[in-house]
Amino acid sequence: MYQDFHAVNRWTRQNLHCSYQALIVAIATRHADAVDIKFLVDGRPVWVALPHSAWKQYKNQTGRVITDPLAVQIAGHFLKTALESGEGVDRDIYSLTVEQTLAHLDAVVANAEPALTIKD
């Protein structure tokens, strides 16, 4: 769904090709309590940082875990939404809150097939 997708920039109407490239635990790279997910947006690197505390809160609320593939979907859903709404189009990194992360998770799950990577 959101590993390789297109989004239309709200302001320029340019069709942007977005593709997932990497998932990195940010503690090691920038001393942040987050998971950084890298996309290429028309060849330009853009990072979406999801806070680690979202994993714990989701597990406590549902008993389920956020897998790496699901984290990529969450970040991709956010990125597509941000680009199409015009929110910080030229940014290199987006840092989500726990609430934003869980809201995008809910949106991904609501649109996903039952076999998506949510595990008990």
C-alpha atoms as a PDB file:
ATOM      1  CA  MET A   1       0.000   0.000   0.000  1.00  0.00           C
ATOM      2  CA  TYR A   2       2.473   2.666   1.149  1.00  0.00           C
ATOM      3  CA  GLN A   3       5.859   1.180   0.286  1.00  0.00           C
ATOM      4  CA  ASP A   4       5.707   2.537  -3.247  1.00  0.00           C
ATOM      5  CA  PHE A   5       3.056   5.118  -4.033  1.00  0.00           C
ATOM      6  CA  HIS A   6       2.299   8.412  -5.719  1.00  0.00           C
ATOM      7  CA  ALA A   7       1.080  11.604  -4.082  1.00  0.00           C
ATOM      8  CA  VAL A   8       0.071  14.900  -5.619  1.00  0.00           C
ATOM      9  CA  ASN A   9       1.693  17.963  -4.070  1.00  0.00           C
ATOM     10  CA  ARG A  10      -1.161  20.195  -2.970  1.00  0.00           C
ATOM     11  CA  TRP A  11       0.552  23.416  -3.980  1.00  0.00           C
ATOM     12  CA  THR A  12       2.303  22.553  -7.233  1.00  0.00           C
ATOM     13  CA  ARG A  13       0.003  19.726  -8.382  1.00  0.00           C
ATOM     14  CA  GLN A  14       3.191  17.794  -9.168  1.00  0.00           C
ATOM     15  CA  ASN A  15       2.843  14.008  -9.099  1.00  0.00           C
ATOM     16  CA  LEU A  16       5.463  12.734  -6.637  1.00  0.00           C
ATOM     17  CA  HIS A  17       6.778   9.176  -6.624  1.00  0.00           C
ATOM     18  CA  CYS A  18       7.441   7.963  -3.087  1.00  0.00           C
ATOM     19  CA  SER A  19       9.240   4.735  -2.277  1.00  0.00           C
ATOM     20  CA  TYR A  20      10.315   3.197   1.005  1.00  0.00           C
ATOM     21  CA  GLN A  21      14.050   2.761   1.396  1.00  0.00           C
ATOM     22  CA  ALA A  22      15.045   2.039   5.010  1.00  0.00           C
ATOM     23  CA  LEU A  23      13.974   1.617   8.618  1.00  0.00           C
ATOM     24  CA  ILE A  24      16.518   2.596  11.264  1.00  0.00           C
ATOM     25  CA  VAL A  25      16.308   2.720  15.036  1.00  0.00           C
ATOM     26  CA  ALA A  26      17.092   6.384  15.683  1.00  0.00           C
ATOM     27  CA  ILE A  27      18.765   5.803  19.049  1.00  0.00           C
ATOM     28  CA  ALA A  28      21.908   4.741  17.216  1.00  0.00           C
ATOM     29  CA  THR A  29      21.912   7.461  14.551  1.00  0.00           C
ATOM     30  CA  ARG A  30      20.612  10.601  16.232  1.00  0.00           C
ATOM     31  CA  HIS A  31      20.083   9.651  19.891  1.00  0.00           C
ATOM     32  CA  ALA A  32      16.305   9.900  19.557  1.00  0.00           C
ATOM     33  CA  ASP A  33      13.732   7.584  21.047  1.00  0.00           C
ATOM     34  CA  ALA A  34      12.188   6.843  17.670  1.00  0.00           C
ATOM     35  CA  VAL A  35      12.208   4.669  14.598  1.00  0.00           C
ATOM     36  CA  ASP A  36      13.209   6.586  11.478  1.00  0.00           C
ATOM     37  CA  ILE A  37      11.685   5.446   8.219  1.00  0.00           C
ATOM     38  CA  LYS A  38      13.296   6.729   5.037  1.00  0.00           C
ATOM     39  CA  PHE A  39      11.437   7.321   1.807  1.00  0.00           C
ATOM     40  CA  LEU A  40      12.643   8.712  -1.473  1.00  0.00           C
ATOM     41  CA  VAL A  41      10.259  11.390  -2.742  1.00  0.00           C
ATOM     42  CA  ASP A  42      11.146  11.885  -6.396  1.00  0.00           C
ATOM     43  CA  GLY A  43      14.670  10.830  -5.445  1.00  0.00           C
ATOM     44  CA  ARG A  44      14.953  13.175  -2.444  1.00  0.00           C
ATOM     45  CA  PRO A  45      15.377  11.497   0.970  1.00  0.00           C
ATOM     46  CA  VAL A  46      12.568  12.208   3.435  1.00  0.00           C
ATOM     47  CA  TRP A  47      12.428  10.693   6.923  1.00  0.00           C
ATOM     48  CA  VAL A  48       9.376   9.989   9.064  1.00  0.00           C
ATOM     49  CA  ALA A  49      10.184   9.499  12.759  1.00  0.00           C
ATOM     50  CA  LEU A  50       7.761   7.385  14.786  1.00  0.00           C
ATOM     51  CA  PRO A  51       8.177   7.548  18.585  1.00  0.00           C
ATOM     52  CA  HIS A  52       9.059   4.297  20.374  1.00  0.00           C
ATOM     53  CA  SER A  53       6.437   5.033  22.998  1.00  0.00           C
ATOM     54  CA  ALA A  54       3.746   4.445  20.351  1.00  0.00           C
ATOM     55  CA  TRP A  55       4.765   0.754  20.267  1.00  0.00           C
ATOM     56  CA  LYS A  56       4.279   0.437  24.015  1.00  0.00           C
ATOM     57  CA  GLN A  57       1.004   2.358  24.081  1.00  0.00           C
ATOM     58  CA  TYR A  58      -0.428   0.312  21.203  1.00  0.00           C
ATOM     59  CA  LYS A  59       0.599  -2.947  22.895  1.00  0.00           C
ATOM     60  CA  ASN A  60      -0.979  -1.814  26.182  1.00  0.00           C
ATOM     61  CA  GLN A  61      -4.211  -0.742  24.475  1.00  0.00           C
ATOM     62  CA  THR A  62      -4.681  -3.679  22.119  1.00  0.00           C
ATOM     63  CA  GLY A  63      -2.328  -6.494  23.099  1.00  0.00           C
ATOM     64  CA  ARG A  64      -0.916  -6.358  19.566  1.00  0.00           C
ATOM     65  CA  VAL A  65       2.480  -5.247  18.312  1.00  0.00           C
ATOM     66  CA  ILE A  66       3.549  -2.840  15.616  1.00  0.00           C
ATOM     67  CA  THR A  67       5.759  -4.799  13.237  1.00  0.00           C
ATOM     68  CA  ASP A  68       8.398  -3.244  10.999  1.00  0.00           C
ATOM     69  CA  PRO A  69       6.227  -3.655   7.873  1.00  0.00           C
ATOM     70  CA  LEU A  70       3.309  -2.021   9.686  1.00  0.00           C
ATOM     71  CA  ALA A  71       5.557   0.858  10.793  1.00  0.00           C
ATOM     72  CA  VAL A  72       6.482   1.431   7.141  1.00  0.00           C
ATOM     73  CA  GLN A  73       2.790   1.538   6.244  1.00  0.00           C
ATOM     74  CA  ILE A  74       2.084   4.025   9.055  1.00  0.00           C
ATOM     75  CA  ALA A  75       4.925   6.299   7.921  1.00  0.00           C
ATOM     76  CA  GLY A  76       3.903   6.010   4.275  1.00  0.00           C
ATOM     77  CA  HIS A  77       0.286   6.850   5.079  1.00  0.00           C
ATOM     78  CA  PHE A  78       1.434   9.891   7.031  1.00  0.00           C
ATOM     79  CA  LEU A  79       3.783  11.012   4.243  1.00  0.00           C
ATOM     80  CA  LYS A  80       1.111  10.709   1.556  1.00  0.00           C
ATOM     81  CA  THR A  81      -1.329  12.648   3.740  1.00  0.00           C
ATOM     82  CA  ALA A  82       1.265  15.347   4.507  1.00  0.00           C
ATOM     83  CA  LEU A  83       2.241  15.813   0.871  1.00  0.00           C
ATOM     84  CA  GLU A  84      -1.339  15.936  -0.371  1.00  0.00           C
ATOM     85  CA  SER A  85      -2.435  18.370   2.358  1.00  0.00           C
ATOM     86  CA  GLY A  86       0.543  20.690   1.792  1.00  0.00           C
ATOM     87  CA  GLU A  87       1.915  20.162   5.304  1.00  0.00           C
ATOM     88  CA  GLY A  88       5.626  20.939   5.213  1.00  0.00           C
ATOM     89  CA  VAL A  89       6.168  19.761   1.652  1.00  0.00           C
ATOM     90  CA  ASP A  90       9.859  20.686   1.587  1.00  0.00           C
ATOM     91  CA  ARG A  91      10.769  19.108   4.921  1.00  0.00           C
ATOM     92  CA  ASP A  92      13.475  16.471   5.206  1.00  0.00           C
ATOM     93  CA  ILE A  93      12.159  14.924   8.427  1.00  0.00           C
ATOM     94  CA  TYR A  94       8.768  14.670  10.048  1.00  0.00           C
ATOM     95  CA  SER A  95       8.538  13.728  13.735  1.00  0.00           C
ATOM     96  CA  LEU A  96       5.180  12.298  14.698  1.00  0.00           C
ATOM     97  CA  THR A  97       3.616  12.270  18.142  1.00  0.00           C
ATOM     98  CA  VAL A  98       2.280   9.082  19.693  1.00  0.00           C
ATOM     99  CA  GLU A  99      -1.255  10.254  18.923  1.00  0.00           C
ATOM    100  CA  GLN A 100      -0.424  10.948  15.270  1.00  0.00           C
ATOM    101  CA  THR A 101       1.307   7.582  14.942  1.00  0.00           C
ATOM    102  CA  LEU A 102      -1.683   5.715  16.350  1.00  0.00           C
ATOM    103  CA  ALA A 103      -4.141   7.697  14.226  1.00  0.00           C
ATOM    104  CA  HIS A 104      -2.242   6.783  11.051  1.00  0.00           C
ATOM    105  CA  LEU A 105      -2.002   3.182  12.261  1.00  0.00           C
ATOM    106  CA  ASP A 106      -5.791   3.126  12.643  1.00  0.00           C
ATOM    107  CA  ALA A 107      -6.216   4.531   9.122  1.00  0.00           C
ATOM    108  CA  VAL A 108      -3.867   1.912   7.655  1.00  0.00           C
ATOM    109  CA  VAL A 109      -5.578  -0.940   9.489  1.00  0.00           C
ATOM    110  CA  ALA A 110      -9.043   0.309   8.514  1.00  0.00           C
ATOM    111  CA  ASN A 111      -8.068   0.162   4.836  1.00  0.00           C
ATOM    112  CA  ALA A 112      -6.014  -3.021   5.001  1.00  0.00           C
ATOM    113  CA  GLU A 113      -6.796  -6.594   4.264  1.00  0.00           C
ATOM    114  CA  PRO A 114      -7.146  -8.809   7.349  1.00  0.00           C
ATOM    115  CA  ALA A 115      -3.731 -10.387   6.718  1.00  0.00           C
ATOM    116  CA  LEU A 116      -1.807  -7.162   7.314  1.00  0.00           C
ATOM    117  CA  THR A 117       1.132  -7.495   9.652  1.00  0.00           C
ATOM    118  CA  ILE A 118      -0.645  -6.970  12.965  1.00  0.00           C
ATOM    119  CA  LYS A 119       0.202  -9.843  15.262  1.00  0.00           C
ATOM    120  CA  ASP A 120      -0.950 -10.790  18.716  1.00  0.00           C
END
